[in-house]
Amino acid sequence: MRAATIALAGIAAVAISMSVAAAEQGTTGMVTGINRLNGTISIQRIQTGTVGANTSGTAEEFKIKDNAMVEDIHAGDRVTFSTSDGGGTKTITKLDRQK
């Protein structure tokens, strides 16, 4: 019984660490709007791969961790970004413009 509890705890720890790693992984999207006064940015995710490649999702609005992140970003730019979810609000923690 004790070994089963330890094994289940180990499996749970691995599952949690994998979900955190997936959340930190960069996502590609196109900037559809920036509101510097409110500290938000709207990004439409870009599908990767061939399955559903022709379908586009709707733009999502994210809070910006630091306004300096969007200094050189404009609507229409393709970006790679990472988010964190705190208190029900998605916040961009990393934002890189693709060249």
Protein backbone atom coordinates (compact mmCIF):
# COMPACT_ATOMS: atom_id res chain seq x y z
CA MET A 1 0.00 0.00 0.00
CA ARG A 2 2.80 2.38 0.87
CA ALA A 3 4.63 1.67 -2.42
CA ALA A 4 1.46 2.39 -4.40
CA THR A 5 1.05 5.75 -2.63
CA ILE A 6 4.65 6.70 -3.40
CA ALA A 7 4.24 5.65 -7.04
CA LEU A 8 1.04 7.69 -7.44
CA ALA A 9 2.69 10.73 -5.86
CA GLY A 10 5.59 10.40 -8.30
CA ILE A 11 3.24 10.14 -11.28
CA ALA A 12 1.32 13.22 -10.11
CA ALA A 13 4.56 15.20 -9.75
CA VAL A 14 5.64 14.29 -13.30
CA ALA A 15 2.23 15.23 -14.72
CA ILE A 16 2.31 18.64 -13.02
CA SER A 17 5.84 19.39 -14.20
CA MET A 18 4.91 18.44 -17.78
CA SER A 19 1.91 20.80 -17.78
CA VAL A 20 4.08 23.64 -16.46
CA ALA A 21 6.64 22.99 -19.21
CA ALA A 22 3.90 23.01 -21.85
CA ALA A 23 2.57 26.33 -20.56
CA GLU A 24 6.03 27.90 -20.80
CA GLN A 25 6.53 26.67 -24.35
CA GLY A 26 6.42 29.46 -26.94
CA THR A 27 3.26 29.89 -28.98
CA THR A 28 3.15 31.61 -32.36
CA GLY A 29 0.59 34.24 -33.23
CA MET A 30 -0.15 37.47 -35.04
CA VAL A 31 -0.74 40.72 -33.15
CA THR A 32 -4.17 42.13 -33.98
CA GLY A 33 -4.14 45.04 -31.54
CA ILE A 34 -2.24 46.70 -28.71
CA ASN A 35 -3.73 48.86 -25.97
CA ARG A 36 -0.78 50.51 -24.27
CA LEU A 37 -3.00 52.46 -21.85
CA ASN A 38 -4.65 49.32 -20.45
CA GLY A 39 -1.51 47.18 -20.79
CA THR A 40 -3.17 44.58 -23.03
CA ILE A 41 -2.39 42.97 -26.36
CA SER A 42 -4.63 40.95 -28.69
CA ILE A 43 -3.02 37.99 -30.44
CA GLN A 44 -4.51 35.55 -32.92
CA ARG A 45 -2.84 32.16 -32.54
CA ILE A 46 -1.36 30.60 -35.67
CA GLN A 47 -1.88 26.87 -36.19
CA THR A 48 1.25 24.82 -36.80
CA GLY A 49 1.35 21.61 -38.80
CA THR A 50 -1.01 20.42 -41.49
CA VAL A 51 -4.04 19.39 -39.46
CA GLY A 52 -6.39 22.37 -39.40
CA ALA A 53 -3.73 24.63 -40.90
CA ASN A 54 -6.36 26.56 -42.86
CA THR A 55 -8.42 27.42 -39.81
CA SER A 56 -7.65 30.50 -37.77
CA GLY A 57 -8.73 31.05 -34.22
CA THR A 58 -10.16 34.23 -32.80
CA ALA A 59 -7.88 36.80 -31.23
CA GLU A 60 -7.29 36.50 -27.50
CA GLU A 61 -6.54 39.42 -25.22
CA PHE A 62 -3.65 39.12 -22.77
CA LYS A 63 -2.26 41.38 -20.06
CA ILE A 64 1.32 42.53 -20.61
CA LYS A 65 3.77 41.92 -17.78
CA ASP A 66 5.86 44.96 -18.75
CA ASN A 67 4.92 47.71 -21.25
CA ALA A 68 8.53 47.77 -22.50
CA MET A 69 7.85 44.35 -24.08
CA VAL A 70 5.60 45.92 -26.73
CA GLU A 71 7.75 48.94 -27.59
CA ASP A 72 8.81 47.54 -30.98
CA ILE A 73 5.69 45.43 -31.60
CA HIS A 74 2.93 46.59 -33.96
CA ALA A 75 -0.38 45.20 -35.21
CA GLY A 76 0.25 42.67 -37.96
CA ASP A 77 3.59 41.46 -36.51
CA ARG A 78 4.11 37.73 -36.05
CA VAL A 79 5.28 36.95 -32.53
CA THR A 80 6.29 34.07 -30.32
CA PHE A 81 4.98 34.37 -26.79
CA SER A 82 4.67 32.58 -23.47
CA THR A 83 1.90 33.12 -20.94
CA SER A 84 1.15 32.47 -17.31
CA ASP A 85 -2.31 32.18 -15.82
CA GLY A 86 -2.66 33.97 -12.52
CA GLY A 87 -5.97 34.79 -10.92
CA GLY A 88 -7.94 33.95 -14.04
CA THR A 89 -6.02 36.49 -16.15
CA LYS A 90 -3.60 35.34 -18.84
CA THR A 91 -0.42 37.41 -18.72
CA ILE A 92 2.32 37.43 -21.33
CA THR A 93 5.64 36.74 -19.66
CA LYS A 94 7.80 36.55 -22.79
CA LEU A 95 7.21 38.18 -26.19
CA ASP A 96 9.52 37.99 -29.20
CA ARG A 97 8.88 39.48 -32.64
CA GLN A 98 9.63 37.11 -35.52
CA LYS A 99 11.74 38.46 -38.33
